[in-house]
Amino acid sequence: MAVPVIMPRQGNTVESCVINEFKKHPGDAVAVGDVLFTYETDKAAFEEEAKVAGTLLANFFEEGDDVPCLYNVCVIGNPGEDFEQFRPTEDGNPDVAAAAAPAAAAAPAAAAAAPAGGWKGNAVPVIMPRQGNTVESCVINEFVKKPGDKVEVGDVLFTYETDKAAFEEQATVAGTLLANFFEEGDDVPCLWNVCVIGNPGDDFEQFRPTEDGNPDLSAPAAEAAPAAVEAAPAAEIAEPAVQMGKIRISPRAKALAEKSKADLSQVVPTGPDGRVIERDVQALIDAGKIVGATVAAEAAAPAAPVELGVPCDDSYTEPMTNIRKMIAKSMVASLSTMAQLTHNISYDATEVKAARALYKAKGEAFGMDKISINDIIMYVVARTLTMPEHRALNANLVDDGKTMKYFRGVHLGMAVDTDRGLMVPTIFNADKMTLKELSDTAKKLAKECKEGKINPDYLQGASFTVSNIGVYGIESFTPVVNPPQTGILGVCAMKDAFRMVNGQIEVYPSMNLSLSYDHRALDGSPASKFLKDLKTNLENYNLILAKG
């Protein structure tokens, strides 16, 4: 059956997108993950990938066209199928039956797919998109639509997050939500079916994922989900298992265990193949087998005082979040593949501190009262990195350490602490920005990171990074280089320092800077020269600002 592909809406304020290039043309074979067309908003470029396999029947627009969001752009189906019912008019998409299958609205990565028309009926699955080549799974935050709810094109079906950002999955066809195959909080592998849209009464069990992924719909569709062991719900048996140490556990059982602090070391699995399912965790809860429960009970019982010095294990375990897993992986890769060294230097922050005070006192009328000392430092760092002798720090070491990739512009990574973990958005072309432009951009990116709404395109492509932890009073530290970058600058707290001037002790504001660098890319002498030049430029900030 023919499946229309709409123009996605990349943000609430985006009303249309420009088609850059059609990668598939009428008559071309299409597999799940194939790029159908590229498009751009006023801020970023994207690729639209297929969610169903088949043949591209038609493209309804041309390269360069500015297409309203949610309009049908092209259609996939079987050769000879009627597709004119999906051709948009001046008023938008035609009002076709809900049986028209939805198409891609996000960017899943390439994967094998069942042939178009391989399933029975009109119901259509909605998969978990892959937001980036390195993303293997996403966590469902909330199901906005529940089974039985009416669905219109553009309605948000569910929200989900990667280790870096949060997203919304929108419907691309009208109909009824027949089923959600997972629960809120589940960590769902990319490209797995999450829910299904169709007409009331349509068969949807054929789309329910098993432990191995989506069913093979090129073969006859299964009549129902595998029978449960004893009274276990069929839906839970179909969920992909999660590995926790030596335990294989269903996502909903895992979520219940984490919420209740059930002691999984005492669990008795009753699911298929030794799998822990929800009722097993509930049995622990009913039996009072909760992590820390014994300690809490003893503390609350006056007749049984705590015996100090007696060996005990009052620890408990929690699985790492996705973002912590990614941070851990990145840090291990950095420290195990690079020859990292750190140099430290301090500078006289008198001019920088005075400039910040001026902006705060008189800058409101110019929109500059929020400019921070970190903004000033990043501004000067960007200018210092443009000096030809420092190009090895404004670079990436790629090709397994065999090739240096030098950047003409300075694309400054900025470490941002969020509730979900450290994120490093990129201020592209920071060396070409005014101080106010850089400050505004930095605050916008930091806000989007903390809200979980950062565009993934801004979490890559940096040529150098600045990490400021001075707010915590840290006076010196060893920042870890973010590969494939060759350097990172740590910014520390401002403190009073003392020096002798004409035989008198003088107090002045001082800040320490810590430069970690990859010794494969540059030696200690040029790294030290960079710090010396940065110190000079910061101490003469007003001249650097005037120079532009």
Protein backbone atom coordinates (compact mmCIF):
# COMPACT_ATOMS: atom_id res chain seq x y z
CA MET A 1 0.00 0.00 0.00
CA ALA A 2 1.21 3.51 -0.82
CA VAL A 3 2.77 5.53 2.00
CA PRO A 4 3.13 9.36 1.89
CA VAL A 5 6.25 11.06 3.27
CA ILE A 6 5.64 14.46 4.84
CA MET A 7 7.91 17.47 5.35
CA PRO A 8 8.86 17.22 9.04
CA ARG A 9 8.47 20.13 11.42
CA GLN A 10 11.86 20.81 13.00
CA GLY A 11 10.72 22.99 15.87
CA ASN A 12 7.51 24.72 16.92
CA THR A 13 8.34 27.95 15.08
CA VAL A 14 9.28 26.32 11.77
CA GLU A 15 6.51 26.66 9.18
CA SER A 16 8.28 25.45 6.04
CA CYS A 17 11.56 23.91 4.84
CA VAL A 18 13.48 24.12 1.57
CA ILE A 19 14.22 20.91 -0.34
CA ASN A 20 17.92 20.84 -1.20
CA GLU A 21 18.19 17.57 -3.12
CA PHE A 22 16.14 14.49 -3.90
CA LYS A 23 18.30 11.41 -3.28
CA LYS A 24 15.63 9.04 -4.58
CA HIS A 25 13.68 9.44 -7.80
CA PRO A 26 10.46 7.82 -9.07
CA GLY A 27 11.07 4.16 -9.80
CA ASP A 28 13.99 3.80 -7.38
CA ALA A 29 13.91 0.99 -4.84
CA VAL A 30 13.76 2.21 -1.23
CA ALA A 31 14.90 0.44 1.95
CA VAL A 32 14.35 1.57 5.52
CA GLY A 33 17.05 4.11 6.33
CA ASP A 34 17.61 5.25 2.75
CA VAL A 35 17.87 9.03 2.43
CA LEU A 36 14.89 10.24 0.40
CA PHE A 37 15.73 13.95 0.30
CA THR A 38 17.71 16.62 2.11
CA TYR A 39 16.14 19.83 3.37
CA GLU A 40 16.96 22.83 5.51
CA THR A 41 15.38 25.33 7.87
CA ASP A 42 16.80 28.78 8.47
CA LYS A 43 19.15 27.27 11.06
CA ALA A 44 20.22 23.77 10.05
CA ALA A 45 20.18 21.10 7.35
CA PHE A 46 18.62 17.64 7.70
CA GLU A 47 18.18 14.34 5.88
CA GLU A 48 14.83 12.60 5.58
CA GLU A 49 15.15 8.83 5.71
CA ALA A 50 12.60 6.18 4.80
CA LYS A 51 10.74 4.26 7.47
CA VAL A 52 9.19 1.77 5.07
CA ALA A 53 10.57 -0.18 2.13
CA GLY A 54 9.19 -0.26 -1.39
CA THR A 55 9.46 1.82 -4.57
CA LEU A 56 9.46 5.59 -4.77
CA LEU A 57 6.29 6.29 -6.75
CA ALA A 58 6.43 10.10 -7.00
CA ASN A 59 8.05 13.32 -5.78
CA PHE A 60 5.44 16.07 -5.46
CA PHE A 61 7.89 18.99 -5.34
CA GLU A 62 11.16 20.04 -6.94
CA GLU A 63 14.59 20.82 -5.55
CA GLY A 64 14.63 24.38 -4.23
CA ASP A 65 10.91 24.42 -3.38
CA ASP A 66 9.92 25.90 -0.01
CA VAL A 67 7.50 23.25 1.29
CA PRO A 68 5.11 23.87 4.20
CA CYS A 69 5.64 21.52 7.15
CA LEU A 70 3.41 18.41 7.21
CA TYR A 71 2.74 18.60 3.44
CA ASN A 72 3.28 15.35 1.54
CA VAL A 73 6.63 15.51 -0.27
CA CYS A 74 6.76 12.09 -1.91
CA VAL A 75 5.18 8.65 -1.71
CA ILE A 76 6.47 5.07 -1.35
CA GLY A 77 4.58 1.95 -2.35
CA ASN A 78 4.42 -0.89 -4.86
CA PRO A 79 4.88 -0.26 -8.60
CA GLY A 80 1.57 0.58 -10.23
CA GLU A 81 -0.17 1.73 -7.08
CA ASP A 82 -2.34 4.84 -7.20
CA PHE A 83 -0.59 7.76 -5.50
CA GLU A 84 -2.55 10.78 -6.80
CA GLN A 85 -4.73 10.70 -3.68
CA PHE A 86 -1.70 11.95 -1.73
CA ARG A 87 -0.71 14.82 -4.03
CA PRO A 88 -1.02 18.09 -2.04
CA THR A 89 -3.13 20.97 -3.29
CA GLU A 90 -2.74 24.68 -2.56
CA ASP A 91 -4.71 24.10 0.64
CA GLY A 92 -2.49 21.28 1.87
CA ASN A 93 -2.72 17.51 1.90
CA PRO A 94 -5.93 15.95 0.57
CA ASP A 95 -8.29 14.38 3.10
CA VAL A 96 -7.54 10.73 2.49
CA ALA A 97 -8.73 7.75 4.49
CA ALA A 98 -6.92 6.90 7.69
CA ALA A 99 -5.80 3.72 6.02
CA ALA A 100 -3.13 5.69 4.18
CA ALA A 101 0.10 4.65 5.87
CA PRO A 102 2.34 7.18 7.57
CA ALA A 103 5.89 7.79 6.54
CA ALA A 104 9.09 9.15 7.97
CA ALA A 105 9.10 12.15 10.30
CA ALA A 106 12.50 11.69 11.92
CA ALA A 107 15.88 10.27 10.94
CA PRO A 108 16.29 6.51 11.58
CA ALA A 109 19.54 4.90 10.55
CA ALA A 110 19.78 2.26 7.83
CA ALA A 111 18.30 -1.16 8.61
CA ALA A 112 16.71 -4.02 6.78
CA ALA A 113 12.95 -3.77 6.40
CA ALA A 114 10.03 -5.89 5.45
CA PRO A 115 8.87 -5.45 1.86
CA ALA A 116 6.08 -2.93 1.38
CA GLY A 117 2.74 -4.65 1.56
CA GLY A 118 4.23 -7.49 3.65
CA TRP A 119 1.76 -6.95 6.46
CA LYS A 120 -1.95 -7.55 6.69
CA GLY A 121 -4.56 -4.80 6.86
CA ASN A 122 -4.14 -1.04 7.05
CA ALA A 123 -2.47 -0.57 10.43
CA VAL A 124 0.96 1.08 10.26
CA PRO A 125 3.73 0.94 12.88
CA VAL A 126 5.65 3.95 14.21
CA ILE A 127 9.30 3.21 14.93
CA MET A 128 11.76 4.69 17.42
CA PRO A 129 13.83 7.12 15.32
CA ARG A 130 17.61 7.09 15.39
CA GLN A 131 18.78 10.62 16.19
CA GLY A 132 22.39 10.27 15.10
CA ASN A 133 24.64 7.48 13.88
CA THR A 134 25.94 6.64 17.36
CA VAL A 135 22.52 6.44 19.04
CA GLU A 136 21.46 2.85 19.70
CA SER A 137 18.39 3.41 21.88
CA CYS A 138 16.15 6.14 23.26
CA VAL A 139 14.14 6.46 26.45
CA ILE A 140 10.40 7.12 26.18
CA ASN A 141 9.50 10.07 28.41
CA GLU A 142 5.76 10.29 27.86
CA PHE A 143 3.05 8.79 25.68
CA VAL A 144 0.96 11.79 24.67
CA LYS A 145 -1.50 9.58 22.81
CA LYS A 146 -3.07 6.52 24.40
CA PRO A 147 -4.71 3.50 22.70
CA GLY A 148 -8.10 4.50 21.38
CA ASP A 149 -7.19 8.17 20.95
CA LYS A 150 -7.86 9.86 17.63
CA VAL A 151 -4.71 10.95 15.80
CA GLU A 152 -4.26 13.76 13.29
CA VAL A 153 -1.24 14.51 11.14
CA GLY A 154 1.22 16.48 13.24
CA ASP A 155 -0.10 15.26 16.59
CA VAL A 156 2.65 14.35 19.04
CA LEU A 157 2.48 10.61 19.72
CA PHE A 158 5.25 10.36 22.31
CA THR A 159 8.29 12.22 23.60
CA TYR A 160 11.68 10.56 23.93
CA GLU A 161 15.27 11.41 24.69
CA THR A 162 18.76 10.36 23.78
CA ASP A 163 21.75 10.90 26.04
CA LYS A 164 21.93 14.46 24.68
CA ALA A 165 18.52 15.87 23.85
CA ALA A 166 14.75 15.42 23.96
CA PHE A 167 12.47 15.03 20.94
CA GLU A 168 8.83 14.67 19.96
CA GLU A 169 7.57 12.03 17.54
CA GLN A 170 4.71 13.34 15.42
CA ALA A 171 2.08 11.42 13.52
CA THR A 172 2.21 11.64 9.77
CA VAL A 173 -1.28 10.27 9.14
CA ALA A 174 -4.73 10.46 10.69
CA GLY A 175 -6.33 7.46 12.33
CA THR A 176 -6.67 5.82 15.73
CA LEU A 177 -3.83 4.83 18.02
CA LEU A 178 -4.30 1.09 18.29
CA ALA A 179 -1.49 0.18 20.70
CA ASN A 180 1.64 1.32 22.49
CA PHE A 181 4.15 -1.53 22.72
CA PHE A 182 6.26 -0.04 25.50
CA GLU A 183 5.83 1.98 28.67
CA GLU A 184 7.05 5.37 29.78
CA GLY A 185 10.62 5.06 31.01
CA ASP A 186 11.46 2.14 28.74
CA ASP A 187 14.80 2.26 26.90
CA VAL A 188 13.78 1.28 23.35
CA PRO A 189 16.26 0.23 20.64
CA CYS A 190 16.25 2.47 17.58
CA LEU A 191 14.11 1.30 14.63
CA TRP A 192 11.91 -0.90 16.86
CA ASN A 193 8.16 -0.44 16.59
CA VAL A 194 6.89 1.76 19.42
CA CYS A 195 3.20 2.07 18.58
CA VAL A 196 0.77 1.53 15.73
CA ILE A 197 -1.89 3.67 13.99
CA GLY A 198 -4.80 2.40 11.96
CA ASN A 199 -8.56 1.92 11.98
CA PRO A 200 -10.43 0.54 15.01
CA GLY A 201 -10.40 -3.24 14.77
CA ASP A 202 -7.27 -3.46 12.59
CA ASP A 203 -4.85 -6.24 13.49
CA PHE A 204 -1.76 -4.80 15.19
CA GLU A 205 -0.21 -7.82 16.94
CA GLN A 206 1.81 -8.54 13.79
CA PHE A 207 3.87 -5.41 14.58
CA ARG A 208 4.62 -6.16 18.24
CA PRO A 209 8.39 -6.40 18.75
CA THR A 210 9.94 -9.57 20.16
CA GLU A 211 13.22 -9.84 22.06
CA ASP A 212 14.99 -9.95 18.70
CA GLY A 213 13.38 -6.81 17.32
CA ASN A 214 10.57 -6.15 14.87
CA PRO A 215 8.89 -9.23 13.39
CA ASP A 216 9.78 -10.26 9.85
CA LEU A 217 6.71 -9.20 7.92
CA SER A 218 7.99 -10.66 4.69
CA ALA A 219 6.78 -13.96 6.13
CA PRO A 220 3.13 -14.60 7.06
CA ALA A 221 2.22 -12.38 9.99
CA ALA A 222 1.98 -14.03 13.36
CA GLU A 223 -1.54 -14.45 14.65
CA ALA A 224 -0.65 -13.21 18.13
CA ALA A 225 2.17 -12.58 20.56
CA PRO A 226 3.89 -15.65 22.04
CA ALA A 227 1.99 -17.23 24.88
CA ALA A 228 3.14 -16.10 28.29
CA VAL A 229 4.61 -18.39 30.90
CA GLU A 230 1.87 -18.99 33.43
CA ALA A 231 0.11 -15.63 33.89
CA ALA A 232 2.75 -13.27 32.55
CA PRO A 233 1.27 -10.56 30.28
CA ALA A 234 1.92 -11.17 26.60
CA ALA A 235 2.88 -7.53 26.14
CA GLU A 236 5.68 -7.85 28.65
CA ILE A 237 6.99 -11.07 27.10
CA ALA A 238 7.26 -9.23 23.79
CA GLU A 239 9.34 -6.42 25.27
CA PRO A 240 13.09 -6.54 24.59
CA ALA A 241 15.03 -7.66 27.64
CA VAL A 242 17.50 -5.35 29.39
CA GLN A 243 20.75 -6.73 30.76
CA MET A 244 21.52 -5.65 34.36
CA GLY A 245 24.69 -7.41 35.42
CA LYS A 246 23.87 -11.10 35.19
CA ILE A 247 20.12 -10.49 35.22
CA ARG A 248 17.94 -10.32 32.10
CA ILE A 249 14.95 -8.15 32.97
CA SER A 250 12.00 -6.65 31.09
CA PRO A 251 11.91 -2.84 30.79
CA ARG A 252 8.76 -2.49 32.88
CA ALA A 253 10.21 -4.77 35.57
CA LYS A 254 13.38 -2.69 35.53
CA ALA A 255 11.39 0.53 35.91
CA LEU A 256 9.42 -0.92 38.85
CA ALA A 257 12.62 -2.15 40.52
CA GLU A 258 14.27 1.26 40.22
CA LYS A 259 11.19 3.04 41.53
CA SER A 260 10.67 0.71 44.49
CA LYS A 261 14.35 -0.09 45.22
CA ALA A 262 13.46 -3.78 45.14
CA ASP A 263 16.49 -5.95 45.95
CA LEU A 264 17.12 -7.72 42.65
CA SER A 265 19.85 -9.85 44.25
CA GLN A 266 16.99 -11.90 45.79
CA VAL A 267 14.75 -12.08 42.74
CA VAL A 268 13.39 -15.40 41.44
CA PRO A 269 12.86 -15.13 37.64
CA THR A 270 9.67 -16.70 36.30
CA GLY A 271 9.73 -15.28 32.78
CA PRO A 272 10.78 -17.20 29.67
CA ASP A 273 14.47 -18.14 29.41
CA GLY A 274 15.14 -17.07 32.99
CA ARG A 275 13.95 -13.53 32.45
CA VAL A 276 12.83 -11.29 35.33
CA ILE A 277 9.38 -9.88 34.67
CA GLU A 278 7.18 -7.40 36.50
CA ARG A 279 5.45 -9.91 38.77
CA ASP A 280 8.85 -11.12 40.02
CA VAL A 281 9.73 -7.61 41.16
CA GLN A 282 6.31 -7.18 42.70
CA ALA A 283 6.92 -10.38 44.67
CA LEU A 284 10.06 -8.80 46.14
CA ILE A 285 8.10 -5.69 47.09
CA ASP A 286 5.31 -7.74 48.70
CA ALA A 287 7.92 -9.68 50.70
CA GLY A 288 9.58 -6.47 51.88
CA LYS A 289 12.83 -7.30 50.10
CA ILE A 290 13.80 -3.69 49.48
CA VAL A 291 17.35 -2.35 49.33
CA GLY A 292 18.10 -0.63 52.64
CA ALA A 293 14.81 -1.74 54.19
CA THR A 294 16.53 -3.75 56.94
CA VAL A 295 18.76 -0.85 57.89
CA ALA A 296 15.78 1.52 57.92
CA ALA A 297 13.73 -0.86 60.07
CA GLU A 298 16.54 -1.23 62.61
CA ALA A 299 17.00 2.54 62.76
CA ALA A 300 13.28 3.01 63.45
CA ALA A 301 13.10 0.35 66.18
CA PRO A 302 14.13 1.71 69.61
CA ALA A 303 14.51 -1.79 71.05
CA ALA A 304 17.17 -2.71 68.48
CA PRO A 305 19.95 -0.10 68.45
CA VAL A 306 22.40 -0.07 65.59
CA GLU A 307 25.59 -1.94 66.44
CA LEU A 308 28.49 0.25 65.43
CA GLY A 309 31.53 -1.42 63.94
CA VAL A 310 29.65 -4.58 62.91
CA PRO A 311 30.36 -5.64 59.29
CA CYS A 312 27.39 -4.97 57.03
CA ASP A 313 26.54 -4.16 53.43
CA ASP A 314 24.22 -1.16 53.21
CA SER A 315 25.04 -0.38 49.60
CA TYR A 316 22.62 -0.35 46.69
CA THR A 317 23.00 -0.32 42.93
CA GLU A 318 21.46 1.83 40.20
CA PRO A 319 21.96 1.50 36.45
CA MET A 320 23.84 4.36 34.80
CA THR A 321 21.79 6.75 32.71
CA ASN A 322 22.34 6.94 28.96
CA ILE A 323 24.18 10.24 29.16
CA ARG A 324 26.51 8.97 31.91
CA LYS A 325 27.28 5.90 29.78
CA MET A 326 28.19 8.15 26.86
CA ILE A 327 30.30 10.44 29.04
CA ALA A 328 32.10 7.45 30.53
CA LYS A 329 32.77 6.00 27.09
CA SER A 330 34.11 9.33 25.82
CA MET A 331 36.36 9.87 28.84
CA VAL A 332 37.85 6.37 28.63
CA ALA A 333 38.44 6.79 24.91
CA SER A 334 40.10 10.16 25.49
CA LEU A 335 42.46 9.06 28.26
CA SER A 336 43.31 5.71 26.68
CA THR A 337 44.04 6.96 23.16
CA MET A 338 45.73 10.33 23.74
CA ALA A 339 49.06 11.42 25.18
CA GLN A 340 47.53 14.13 27.37
CA LEU A 341 49.46 16.72 29.37
CA THR A 342 48.23 19.74 31.31
CA HIS A 343 49.96 23.12 31.71
CA ASN A 344 48.81 25.83 34.12
CA ILE A 345 49.21 29.60 34.11
CA SER A 346 47.60 32.50 35.96
CA TYR A 347 46.82 35.96 34.65
CA ASP A 348 46.04 39.35 36.09
CA ALA A 349 42.25 39.67 35.69
CA THR A 350 42.11 43.39 36.51
CA GLU A 351 40.92 44.51 33.04
CA VAL A 352 38.54 41.59 32.64
CA LYS A 353 36.98 42.16 36.06
CA ALA A 354 36.61 45.90 35.40
CA ALA A 355 34.99 45.26 32.02
CA ARG A 356 32.48 42.88 33.58
CA ALA A 357 31.62 45.48 36.22
CA LEU A 358 31.10 48.11 33.51
CA TYR A 359 28.78 45.85 31.48
CA LYS A 360 26.76 45.02 34.58
CA ALA A 361 26.45 48.65 35.69
CA LYS A 362 25.81 50.38 32.36
CA GLY A 363 25.24 47.68 29.76
CA GLU A 364 21.49 47.12 30.09
CA ALA A 365 20.63 49.79 27.52
CA PHE A 366 22.96 48.06 25.06
CA GLY A 367 21.83 44.51 25.88
CA MET A 368 25.23 43.77 27.39
CA ASP A 369 24.51 43.61 31.13
CA LYS A 370 24.42 39.78 31.09
CA ILE A 371 27.87 39.36 29.55
CA SER A 372 29.87 37.14 31.91
CA ILE A 373 33.56 36.77 32.59
CA ASN A 374 33.36 33.38 30.85
CA ASP A 375 31.96 35.10 27.74
CA ILE A 376 34.93 37.48 27.80
CA ILE A 377 37.39 34.59 28.18
CA MET A 378 35.82 32.67 25.30
CA TYR A 379 35.97 35.80 23.15
CA VAL A 380 39.69 36.18 23.82
CA VAL A 381 40.35 32.43 23.41
CA ALA A 382 38.73 32.52 19.96
CA ARG A 383 40.94 35.45 18.91
CA THR A 384 44.08 33.81 20.28
CA LEU A 385 43.38 30.55 18.42
CA THR A 386 43.32 32.43 15.10
CA MET A 387 47.03 33.17 15.45
CA PRO A 388 48.81 30.93 12.87
CA GLU A 389 51.27 29.57 15.44
CA HIS A 390 48.38 28.07 17.42
CA ARG A 391 46.62 26.24 14.61
CA ALA A 392 47.50 22.84 16.13
CA LEU A 393 45.13 23.61 19.01
CA ASN A 394 42.33 24.69 16.65
CA ALA A 395 42.26 21.27 15.03
CA ASN A 396 41.08 17.68 15.16
CA LEU A 397 43.40 14.68 15.10
CA VAL A 398 41.65 12.12 12.89
CA ASP A 399 42.29 8.93 10.94
CA ASP A 400 43.57 7.08 14.04
CA GLY A 401 46.05 9.82 14.76
CA LYS A 402 47.47 9.95 11.25
CA THR A 403 45.88 13.17 9.98
CA MET A 404 45.55 16.70 11.36
CA LYS A 405 42.35 18.50 10.37
CA TYR A 406 42.88 22.26 10.72
CA PHE A 407 39.96 24.69 10.92
CA ARG A 408 39.90 28.13 9.30
CA GLY A 409 37.30 29.34 11.78
CA VAL A 410 37.19 28.77 15.53
CA HIS A 411 34.30 26.50 16.48
CA LEU A 412 34.30 26.78 20.24
CA GLY A 413 32.94 23.98 22.40
CA MET A 414 31.46 25.17 25.69
CA ALA A 415 31.06 22.73 28.58
CA VAL A 416 27.57 23.01 30.14
CA ASP A 417 26.53 21.30 33.36
CA THR A 418 22.96 19.99 33.19
CA ASP A 419 20.76 17.84 35.42
CA ARG A 420 21.30 14.99 32.97
CA GLY A 421 25.09 15.34 32.76
CA LEU A 422 27.80 17.30 30.98
CA MET A 423 26.99 18.57 27.49
CA VAL A 424 29.28 20.48 25.11
CA PRO A 425 27.44 22.59 22.51
CA THR A 426 29.44 24.34 19.80
CA ILE A 427 29.59 28.07 19.12
CA PHE A 428 30.41 27.97 15.42
CA ASN A 429 32.64 30.71 14.00
CA ALA A 430 33.15 32.22 17.43
CA ASP A 431 36.17 34.16 16.13
CA LYS A 432 33.92 36.16 13.78
CA MET A 433 31.36 37.13 16.44
CA THR A 434 31.19 40.32 18.43
CA LEU A 435 31.32 39.89 22.20
CA LYS A 436 27.56 40.39 22.44
CA GLU A 437 26.86 37.88 19.64
CA LEU A 438 29.06 35.31 21.32
CA SER A 439 27.45 35.91 24.71
CA ASP A 440 23.90 35.67 23.30
CA THR A 441 24.76 32.48 21.41
CA ALA A 442 26.40 30.89 24.45
CA LYS A 443 23.38 31.60 26.67
CA LYS A 444 20.95 30.29 24.06
CA LEU A 445 22.86 27.03 23.64
CA ALA A 446 23.28 26.56 27.39
CA LYS A 447 19.54 27.09 27.94
CA GLU A 448 18.65 24.56 25.23
CA CYS A 449 21.03 22.02 26.76
CA LYS A 450 19.52 22.41 30.22
CA GLU A 451 16.00 22.11 28.81
CA GLY A 452 16.96 19.05 26.74
CA LYS A 453 16.01 20.80 23.50
CA ILE A 454 19.43 21.25 21.91
CA ASN A 455 19.70 20.42 18.20
CA PRO A 456 22.15 17.48 17.87
CA ASP A 457 23.93 19.38 15.09
CA TYR A 458 25.22 21.76 17.77
CA LEU A 459 26.71 18.96 19.88
CA GLN A 460 29.47 18.21 17.42
CA GLY A 461 31.99 19.92 15.15
CA ALA A 462 33.98 21.82 17.80
CA SER A 463 37.64 22.63 17.13
CA PHE A 464 38.52 23.55 20.75
CA THR A 465 36.66 23.52 24.09
CA VAL A 466 36.47 25.80 27.12
CA SER A 467 35.38 24.34 30.47
CA ASN A 468 34.76 26.78 33.33
CA ILE A 469 34.29 25.42 36.87
CA GLY A 470 35.41 28.55 38.67
CA VAL A 471 31.92 28.97 40.13
CA TYR A 472 32.76 26.06 42.47
CA GLY A 473 35.90 27.79 43.75
CA ILE A 474 38.24 25.39 41.95
CA GLU A 475 41.72 26.89 41.65
CA SER A 476 43.32 24.27 39.37
CA PHE A 477 42.21 21.09 37.61
CA THR A 478 43.03 18.76 34.75
CA PRO A 479 40.35 19.00 32.04
CA VAL A 480 40.05 16.00 29.72
CA VAL A 481 40.38 16.60 25.98
CA ASN A 482 37.24 15.84 23.99
CA PRO A 483 38.39 13.72 21.02
CA PRO A 484 39.08 14.31 18.18
CA GLN A 485 39.97 17.82 19.43
CA THR A 486 43.58 18.43 20.41
CA GLY A 487 43.07 20.78 23.34
CA ILE A 488 40.75 22.03 26.08
CA LEU A 489 41.07 25.05 28.36
CA GLY A 490 40.02 24.81 31.99
CA VAL A 491 38.97 28.11 33.58
CA CYS A 492 39.28 28.35 37.36
CA ALA A 493 38.01 30.64 40.10
CA MET A 494 39.08 34.25 40.48
CA LYS A 495 40.98 34.87 43.70
CA ASP A 496 43.10 37.56 45.33
CA ALA A 497 46.82 37.31 44.66
CA PHE A 498 49.71 39.33 45.99
CA ARG A 499 52.75 40.93 44.40
CA MET A 500 55.43 43.45 45.28
CA VAL A 501 55.21 46.85 43.53
CA ASN A 502 57.82 49.46 44.49
CA GLY A 503 58.44 47.66 47.73
CA GLN A 504 54.74 47.56 48.61
CA ILE A 505 52.45 44.53 48.69
CA GLU A 506 49.72 44.90 46.08
CA VAL A 507 46.54 42.81 45.91
CA TYR A 508 45.12 42.00 42.49
CA PRO A 509 42.50 39.60 41.02
CA SER A 510 44.03 36.47 39.54
CA MET A 511 42.60 33.55 37.57
CA ASN A 512 44.25 30.24 36.82
CA LEU A 513 43.98 28.62 33.38
CA SER A 514 44.62 24.90 32.80
CA LEU A 515 45.39 23.74 29.25
CA SER A 516 45.20 20.02 28.50
CA TYR A 517 46.49 19.05 25.08
CA ASP A 518 47.26 16.00 22.96
CA HIS A 519 51.04 15.64 22.87
CA ARG A 520 50.71 13.75 19.60
CA ALA A 521 49.45 16.91 17.93
CA LEU A 522 51.80 19.46 19.47
CA ASP A 523 54.73 19.65 21.87
CA GLY A 524 55.01 21.34 25.24
CA SER A 525 56.68 24.46 23.88
CA PRO A 526 53.86 25.54 21.49
CA ALA A 527 51.27 24.61 24.13
CA SER A 528 53.07 26.86 26.60
CA LYS A 529 53.30 29.61 23.98
CA PHE A 530 49.52 29.49 23.55
CA LEU A 531 48.99 29.95 27.29
CA LYS A 532 51.51 32.81 27.35
CA ASP A 533 49.75 34.58 24.44
CA LEU A 534 46.33 33.98 25.99
CA LYS A 535 47.58 35.47 29.27
CA THR A 536 48.89 38.54 27.43
CA ASN A 537 45.63 38.98 25.51
CA LEU A 538 43.46 38.66 28.63
CA GLU A 539 45.60 41.12 30.55
CA ASN A 540 45.20 43.52 27.63
CA TYR A 541 41.53 42.74 27.03
CA ASN A 542 40.53 46.28 26.11
CA LEU A 543 43.04 46.33 23.25
CA ILE A 544 41.87 42.91 22.00
CA LEU A 545 38.26 44.14 22.10
CA ALA A 546 39.15 47.31 20.21
CA LYS A 547 41.04 45.29 17.61
CA GLY A 548 37.95 43.16 17.00
